PDB file of N, CA and C in Angstrom:
ATOM      1  N   UNK A   1       0.826  -1.202   0.000  1.00  0.00           N
ATOM      2  CA  UNK A   1       0.000   0.000   0.000  1.00  0.00           C
ATOM      3  C   UNK A   1       0.865   1.258   0.000  1.00  0.00           C
ATOM      4  N   UNK A   2       2.165   1.093   0.244  1.00  0.00           N
ATOM      5  CA  UNK A   2       3.050   2.254   0.278  1.00  0.00           C
ATOM      6  C   UNK A   2       2.991   3.036  -1.031  1.00  0.00           C
ATOM      7  N   UNK A   3       2.962   2.327  -2.151  1.00  0.00           N
ATOM      8  CA  UNK A   3       2.931   3.018  -3.434  1.00  0.00           C
ATOM      9  C   UNK A   3       1.679   3.872  -3.582  1.00  0.00           C
ATOM     10  N   UNK A   4       0.537   3.373  -3.121  1.00  0.00           N
ATOM     11  CA  UNK A   4      -0.699   4.149  -3.219  1.00  0.00           C
ATOM     12  C   UNK A   4      -0.621   5.399  -2.355  1.00  0.00           C
ATOM     13  N   UNK A   5      -0.027   5.275  -1.171  1.00  0.00           N
ATOM     14  CA  UNK A   5       0.142   6.459  -0.319  1.00  0.00           C
ATOM     15  C   UNK A   5       1.000   7.487  -1.033  1.00  0.00           C
ATOM     16  N   UNK A   6       2.052   7.011  -1.686  1.00  0.00           N
ATOM     17  CA  UNK A   6       2.940   7.927  -2.395  1.00  0.00           C
ATOM     18  C   UNK A   6       2.221   8.619  -3.548  1.00  0.00           C
ATOM     19  N   UNK A   7       1.326   7.906  -4.222  1.00  0.00           N
ATOM     20  CA  UNK A   7       0.554   8.518  -5.309  1.00  0.00           C
ATOM     21  C   UNK A   7      -0.297   9.651  -4.756  1.00  0.00           C
ATOM     22  N   UNK A   8      -0.966   9.408  -3.633  1.00  0.00           N
ATOM     23  CA  UNK A   8      -1.801  10.443  -3.013  1.00  0.00           C
ATOM     24  C   UNK A   8      -0.958  11.649  -2.606  1.00  0.00           C
ATOM     25  N   UNK A   9       0.128  11.404  -1.917  1.00  0.00           N
ATOM     26  CA  UNK A   9       0.988  12.495  -1.441  1.00  0.00           C
ATOM     27  C   UNK A   9       1.581  13.272  -2.615  1.00  0.00           C
ATOM     28  N   UNK A  10       2.125  12.551  -3.592  1.00  0.00           N
ATOM     29  CA  UNK A  10       2.750  13.221  -4.735  1.00  0.00           C
ATOM     30  C   UNK A  10       1.732  14.008  -5.555  1.00  0.00           C
ATOM     31  N   UNK A  11       0.538  13.456  -5.717  1.00  0.00           N
ATOM     32  CA  UNK A  11      -0.501  14.169  -6.464  1.00  0.00           C
ATOM     33  C   UNK A  11      -0.890  15.447  -5.740  1.00  0.00           C
ATOM     34  N   UNK A  12      -1.068  15.349  -4.426  1.00  0.00           N
ATOM     35  CA  UNK A  12      -1.408  16.540  -3.634  1.00  0.00           C
ATOM     36  C   UNK A  12      -0.327  17.607  -3.785  1.00  0.00           C
ATOM     37  N   UNK A  13       0.923  17.197  -3.644  1.00  0.00           N
ATOM     38  CA  UNK A  13       2.027  18.155  -3.742  1.00  0.00           C
ATOM     39  C   UNK A  13       2.146  18.739  -5.146  1.00  0.00           C
ATOM     40  N   UNK A  14       1.950  17.898  -6.165  1.00  0.00           N
ATOM     41  CA  UNK A  14       2.020  18.387  -7.547  1.00  0.00           C
ATOM     42  C   UNK A  14       0.928  19.403  -7.856  1.00  0.00           C
ATOM     43  N   UNK A  15      -0.192  19.306  -7.154  1.00  0.00           N
ATOM     44  CA  UNK A  15      -1.275  20.283  -7.311  1.00  0.00           C
ATOM     45  C   UNK A  15      -1.007  21.540  -6.486  1.00  0.00           C
ATOM     46  N   UNK A  16       0.084  21.538  -5.718  1.00  0.00           N
ATOM     47  CA  UNK A  16       0.432  22.699  -4.912  1.00  0.00           C
ATOM     48  C   UNK A  16      -0.420  22.852  -3.670  1.00  0.00           C
ATOM     49  N   UNK A  17      -0.967  21.743  -3.185  1.00  0.00           N
ATOM     50  CA  UNK A  17      -1.847  21.790  -2.019  1.00  0.00           C
ATOM     51  C   UNK A  17      -1.140  21.291  -0.767  1.00  0.00           C
ATOM     52  N   UNK A  18      -1.394  21.961   0.333  1.00  0.00           N
ATOM     53  CA  UNK A  18      -0.933  21.470   1.628  1.00  0.00           C
ATOM     54  C   UNK A  18      -1.969  20.482   2.153  1.00  0.00           C
ATOM     55  N   UNK A  19      -1.595  19.756   3.195  1.00  0.00           N
ATOM     56  CA  UNK A  19      -2.569  18.874   3.835  1.00  0.00           C
ATOM     57  C   UNK A  19      -3.762  19.680   4.335  1.00  0.00           C
ATOM     58  N   UNK A  20      -3.489  20.831   4.905  1.00  0.00           N
ATOM     59  CA  UNK A  20      -4.559  21.671   5.437  1.00  0.00           C
ATOM     60  C   UNK A  20      -5.544  22.080   4.340  1.00  0.00           C
ATOM     61  N   UNK A  21      -5.008  22.486   3.192  1.00  0.00           N
ATOM     62  CA  UNK A  21      -5.865  22.932   2.089  1.00  0.00           C
ATOM     63  C   UNK A  21      -6.703  21.784   1.529  1.00  0.00           C
ATOM     64  N   UNK A  22      -6.057  20.650   1.267  1.00  0.00           N
ATOM     65  CA  UNK A  22      -6.790  19.511   0.715  1.00  0.00           C
ATOM     66  C   UNK A  22      -7.853  19.025   1.689  1.00  0.00           C
ATOM     67  N   UNK A  23      -7.498  18.957   2.957  1.00  0.00           N
ATOM     68  CA  UNK A  23      -8.463  18.523   3.973  1.00  0.00           C
ATOM     69  C   UNK A  23      -9.661  19.470   4.020  1.00  0.00           C
ATOM     70  N   UNK A  24      -9.405  20.769   3.962  1.00  0.00           N
ATOM     71  CA  UNK A  24     -10.498  21.749   3.996  1.00  0.00           C
ATOM     72  C   UNK A  24     -11.413  21.594   2.786  1.00  0.00           C
ATOM     73  N   UNK A  25     -10.832  21.420   1.605  1.00  0.00           N
ATOM     74  CA  UNK A  25     -11.637  21.227   0.396  1.00  0.00           C
ATOM     75  C   UNK A  25     -12.493  19.965   0.499  1.00  0.00           C
ATOM     76  N   UNK A  26     -11.944  18.926   1.141  1.00  0.00           N
ATOM     77  CA  UNK A  26     -12.648  17.642   1.246  1.00  0.00           C
ATOM     78  C   UNK A  26     -13.605  17.587   2.433  1.00  0.00           C
ATOM     79  N   UNK A  27     -13.530  18.575   3.313  1.00  0.00           N
ATOM     80  CA  UNK A  27     -14.412  18.592   4.478  1.00  0.00           C
ATOM     81  C   UNK A  27     -13.999  17.620   5.565  1.00  0.00           C
ATOM     82  N   UNK A  28     -12.683  17.377   5.658  1.00  0.00           N
ATOM     83  CA  UNK A  28     -12.149  16.494   6.696  1.00  0.00           C
ATOM     84  C   UNK A  28     -11.062  17.244   7.456  1.00  0.00           C
ATOM     85  N   UNK A  29     -10.596  16.668   8.555  1.00  0.00           N
ATOM     86  CA  UNK A  29      -9.533  17.321   9.311  1.00  0.00           C
ATOM     87  C   UNK A  29      -8.174  17.010   8.694  1.00  0.00           C
ATOM     88  N   UNK A  30      -7.216  17.877   8.965  1.00  0.00           N
ATOM     89  CA  UNK A  30      -5.858  17.638   8.492  1.00  0.00           C
ATOM     90  C   UNK A  30      -5.304  16.368   9.109  1.00  0.00           C
ATOM     91  N   UNK A  31      -5.638  16.121  10.377  1.00  0.00           N
ATOM     92  CA  UNK A  31      -5.152  14.919  11.057  1.00  0.00           C
ATOM     93  C   UNK A  31      -5.669  13.652  10.375  1.00  0.00           C
ATOM     94  N   UNK A  32      -6.935  13.666   9.968  1.00  0.00           N
ATOM     95  CA  UNK A  32      -7.506  12.504   9.277  1.00  0.00           C
ATOM     96  C   UNK A  32      -6.806  12.291   7.943  1.00  0.00           C
ATOM     97  N   UNK A  33      -6.562  13.372   7.193  1.00  0.00           N
ATOM     98  CA  UNK A  33      -5.848  13.260   5.921  1.00  0.00           C
ATOM     99  C   UNK A  33      -4.437  12.729   6.151  1.00  0.00           C
ATOM    100  N   UNK A  34      -3.766  13.223   7.173  1.00  0.00           N
ATOM    101  CA  UNK A  34      -2.412  12.747   7.476  1.00  0.00           C
ATOM    102  C   UNK A  34      -2.427  11.252   7.773  1.00  0.00           C
ATOM    103  N   UNK A  35      -3.437  10.791   8.498  1.00  0.00           N
ATOM    104  CA  UNK A  35      -3.560   9.358   8.789  1.00  0.00           C
ATOM    105  C   UNK A  35      -3.784   8.551   7.520  1.00  0.00           C
ATOM    106  N   UNK A  36      -4.568   9.085   6.602  1.00  0.00           N
ATOM    107  CA  UNK A  36      -4.787   8.413   5.319  1.00  0.00           C
ATOM    108  C   UNK A  36      -3.471   8.346   4.551  1.00  0.00           C
ATOM    109  N   UNK A  37      -2.748   9.464   4.502  1.00  0.00           N
ATOM    110  CA  UNK A  37      -1.481   9.497   3.764  1.00  0.00           C
ATOM    111  C   UNK A  37      -0.438   8.562   4.364  1.00  0.00           C
ATOM    112  N   UNK A  38      -0.477   8.365   5.674  1.00  0.00           N
ATOM    113  CA  UNK A  38       0.468   7.442   6.320  1.00  0.00           C
ATOM    114  C   UNK A  38       0.009   5.991   6.244  1.00  0.00           C
ATOM    115  N   UNK A  39      -1.195   5.766   5.761  1.00  0.00           N
ATOM    116  CA  UNK A  39      -1.722   4.416   5.665  1.00  0.00           C
ATOM    117  C   UNK A  39      -2.284   3.882   6.964  1.00  0.00           C
ATOM    118  N   UNK A  40      -2.506   4.770   7.930  1.00  0.00           N
ATOM    119  CA  UNK A  40      -3.031   4.357   9.228  1.00  0.00           C
ATOM    120  C   UNK A  40      -4.544   4.208   9.207  1.00  0.00           C
ATOM    121  N   UNK A  41      -5.211   4.901   8.297  1.00  0.00           N
ATOM    122  CA  UNK A  41      -6.661   4.795   8.138  1.00  0.00           C
ATOM    123  C   UNK A  41      -6.982   4.723   6.653  1.00  0.00           C
ATOM    124  N   UNK A  42      -7.994   3.948   6.342  1.00  0.00           N
ATOM    125  CA  UNK A  42      -8.514   3.928   4.976  1.00  0.00           C
ATOM    126  C   UNK A  42      -9.678   4.913   4.926  1.00  0.00           C
ATOM    127  N   UNK A  43      -9.759   5.710   3.888  1.00  0.00           N
ATOM    128  CA  UNK A  43     -10.866   6.665   3.813  1.00  0.00           C
ATOM    129  C   UNK A  43     -12.173   5.948   3.504  1.00  0.00           C
ATOM    130  N   UNK A  44     -13.263   6.544   3.929  1.00  0.00           N
ATOM    131  CA  UNK A  44     -14.570   6.033   3.513  1.00  0.00           C
ATOM    132  C   UNK A  44     -14.679   6.242   2.005  1.00  0.00           C
ATOM    133  N   UNK A  45     -15.613   5.559   1.389  1.00  0.00           N
ATOM    134  CA  UNK A  45     -15.798   5.722  -0.051  1.00  0.00           C
ATOM    135  C   UNK A  45     -16.114   7.172  -0.391  1.00  0.00           C
ATOM    136  N   UNK A  46     -16.936   7.807   0.420  1.00  0.00           N
ATOM    137  CA  UNK A  46     -17.313   9.208   0.183  1.00  0.00           C
ATOM    138  C   UNK A  46     -16.082  10.118   0.227  1.00  0.00           C
ATOM    139  N   UNK A  47     -15.232   9.931   1.225  1.00  0.00           N
ATOM    140  CA  UNK A  47     -14.019  10.748   1.349  1.00  0.00           C
ATOM    141  C   UNK A  47     -13.059  10.433   0.207  1.00  0.00           C
ATOM    142  N   UNK A  48     -12.903   9.162  -0.133  1.00  0.00           N
ATOM    143  CA  UNK A  48     -12.024   8.782  -1.243  1.00  0.00           C
ATOM    144  C   UNK A  48     -12.482   9.446  -2.537  1.00  0.00           C
ATOM    145  N   UNK A  49     -13.787   9.462  -2.767  1.00  0.00           N
ATOM    146  CA  UNK A  49     -14.323  10.097  -3.971  1.00  0.00           C
ATOM    147  C   UNK A  49     -14.098  11.606  -3.958  1.00  0.00           C
ATOM    148  N   UNK A  50     -14.264  12.240  -2.803  1.00  0.00           N
ATOM    149  CA  UNK A  50     -14.019  13.685  -2.703  1.00  0.00           C
ATOM    150  C   UNK A  50     -12.558  14.005  -2.997  1.00  0.00           C
ATOM    151  N   UNK A  51     -11.650  13.263  -2.362  1.00  0.00           N
ATOM    152  CA  UNK A  51     -10.224  13.509  -2.572  1.00  0.00           C
ATOM    153  C   UNK A  51      -9.844  13.287  -4.030  1.00  0.00           C
ATOM    154  N   UNK A  52     -10.333  12.211  -4.617  1.00  0.00           N
ATOM    155  CA  UNK A  52     -10.027  11.919  -6.018  1.00  0.00           C
ATOM    156  C   UNK A  52     -10.553  13.022  -6.934  1.00  0.00           C
ATOM    157  N   UNK A  53     -11.747  13.509  -6.655  1.00  0.00           N
ATOM    158  CA  UNK A  53     -12.310  14.585  -7.472  1.00  0.00           C
ATOM    159  C   UNK A  53     -11.498  15.862  -7.384  1.00  0.00           C
ATOM    160  N   UNK A  54     -11.103  16.216  -6.185  1.00  0.00           N
ATOM    161  CA  UNK A  54     -10.301  17.427  -5.986  1.00  0.00           C
ATOM    162  C   UNK A  54      -8.958  17.297  -6.694  1.00  0.00           C
ATOM    163  N   UNK A  55      -8.367  16.104  -6.617  1.00  0.00           N
ATOM    164  CA  UNK A  55      -7.045  15.876  -7.201  1.00  0.00           C
ATOM    165  C   UNK A  55      -7.109  15.473  -8.672  1.00  0.00           C
ATOM    166  N   UNK A  56      -8.326  15.379  -9.208  1.00  0.00           N
ATOM    167  CA  UNK A  56      -8.545  15.034 -10.617  1.00  0.00           C
ATOM    168  C   UNK A  56      -7.906  13.696 -10.981  1.00  0.00           C
ATOM    169  N   UNK A  57      -8.160  12.702 -10.140  1.00  0.00           N
ATOM    170  CA  UNK A  57      -7.670  11.335 -10.354  1.00  0.00           C
ATOM    171  C   UNK A  57      -8.824  10.370 -10.172  1.00  0.00           C
ATOM    172  N   UNK A  58      -8.685   9.163 -10.698  1.00  0.00           N
ATOM    173  CA  UNK A  58      -9.664   8.119 -10.427  1.00  0.00           C
ATOM    174  C   UNK A  58      -9.472   7.627  -9.007  1.00  0.00           C
ATOM    175  N   UNK A  59     -10.569   7.297  -8.352  1.00  0.00           N
ATOM    176  CA  UNK A  59     -10.503   6.765  -6.989  1.00  0.00           C
ATOM    177  C   UNK A  59      -9.635   5.514  -6.950  1.00  0.00           C
ATOM    178  N   UNK A  60      -9.797   4.641  -7.945  1.00  0.00           N
ATOM    179  CA  UNK A  60      -9.005   3.410  -7.992  1.00  0.00           C
ATOM    180  C   UNK A  60      -7.513   3.712  -8.047  1.00  0.00           C
ATOM    181  N   UNK A  61      -7.145   4.705  -8.818  1.00  0.00           N
ATOM    182  CA  UNK A  61      -5.737   5.065  -8.985  1.00  0.00           C
ATOM    183  C   UNK A  61      -5.112   5.536  -7.673  1.00  0.00           C
ATOM    184  N   UNK A  62      -5.895   6.238  -6.859  1.00  0.00           N
ATOM    185  CA  UNK A  62      -5.371   6.777  -5.607  1.00  0.00           C
ATOM    186  C   UNK A  62      -5.411   5.794  -4.447  1.00  0.00           C
ATOM    187  N   UNK A  63      -6.437   4.939  -4.401  1.00  0.00           N
ATOM    188  CA  UNK A  63      -6.662   4.173  -3.180  1.00  0.00           C
ATOM    189  C   UNK A  63      -6.717   2.663  -3.322  1.00  0.00           C
ATOM    190  N   UNK A  64      -6.907   2.153  -4.528  1.00  0.00           N
ATOM    191  CA  UNK A  64      -7.114   0.717  -4.664  1.00  0.00           C
ATOM    192  C   UNK A  64      -6.127   0.113  -5.647  1.00  0.00           C
ATOM    193  N   UNK A  65      -5.800  -1.139  -5.429  1.00  0.00           N
ATOM    194  CA  UNK A  65      -4.911  -1.865  -6.331  1.00  0.00           C
ATOM    195  C   UNK A  65      -5.739  -2.632  -7.354  1.00  0.00           C
ATOM    196  N   UNK A  66      -6.591  -1.900  -8.031  1.00  0.00           N
ATOM    197  CA  UNK A  66      -7.470  -2.496  -9.031  1.00  0.00           C
ATOM    198  C   UNK A  66      -7.113  -1.882 -10.375  1.00  0.00           C
ATOM    199  N   UNK A  67      -6.880  -2.733 -11.330  1.00  0.00           N
ATOM    200  CA  UNK A  67      -6.598  -2.260 -12.681  1.00  0.00           C
ATOM    201  C   UNK A  67      -7.814  -2.592 -13.532  1.00  0.00           C
ATOM    202  N   UNK A  68      -8.699  -1.636 -13.653  1.00  0.00           N
ATOM    203  CA  UNK A  68      -9.934  -1.842 -14.394  1.00  0.00           C
ATOM    204  C   UNK A  68      -9.764  -1.286 -15.796  1.00  0.00           C
ATOM    205  N   UNK A  69     -10.058  -2.119 -16.755  1.00  0.00           N
ATOM    206  CA  UNK A  69      -9.977  -1.673 -18.139  1.00  0.00           C
ATOM    207  C   UNK A  69     -11.321  -1.083 -18.525  1.00  0.00           C
ATOM    208  N   UNK A  70     -11.297   0.140 -18.980  1.00  0.00           N
ATOM    209  CA  UNK A  70     -12.525   0.801 -19.394  1.00  0.00           C
ATOM    210  C   UNK A  70     -12.707   0.589 -20.890  1.00  0.00           C
ATOM    211  N   UNK A  71     -13.868   0.066 -21.257  1.00  0.00           N
ATOM    212  CA  UNK A  71     -14.154  -0.174 -22.663  1.00  0.00           C
ATOM    213  C   UNK A  71     -15.509   0.417 -23.011  1.00  0.00           C
ATOM    214  N   UNK A  72     -15.678   0.694 -24.259  1.00  0.00           N
ATOM    215  CA  UNK A  72     -16.967   1.171 -24.752  1.00  0.00           C
ATOM    216  C   UNK A  72     -17.787  -0.023 -25.192  1.00  0.00           C
ATOM    217  N   UNK A  73     -19.024  -0.060 -24.768  1.00  0.00           N
ATOM    218  CA  UNK A  73     -19.927  -1.125 -25.178  1.00  0.00           C
ATOM    219  C   UNK A  73     -20.848  -0.555 -26.244  1.00  0.00           C
ATOM    220  N   UNK A  74     -20.910  -1.250 -27.347  1.00  0.00           N
ATOM    221  CA  UNK A  74     -21.732  -0.775 -28.470  1.00  0.00           C
ATOM    222  C   UNK A  74     -23.109  -1.383 -28.372  1.00  0.00           C
TER     223      UNK A  74
END
């Protein structure tokens, strides 16, 4: 799970956001975000979706080890 934590942290930093800023945008505390980034807590689905939306990433890419292939169905 270390790699996923690094993706979250690096994405946040690349967007120029501090933990405080990202937490405020997501409606969570900085301490809770720090725990998520350290891998001490898993975010709820709602929080994971909020963070992914703010960071413009797929939830799976940030939090899950799932490689889902997206295809168009005709």
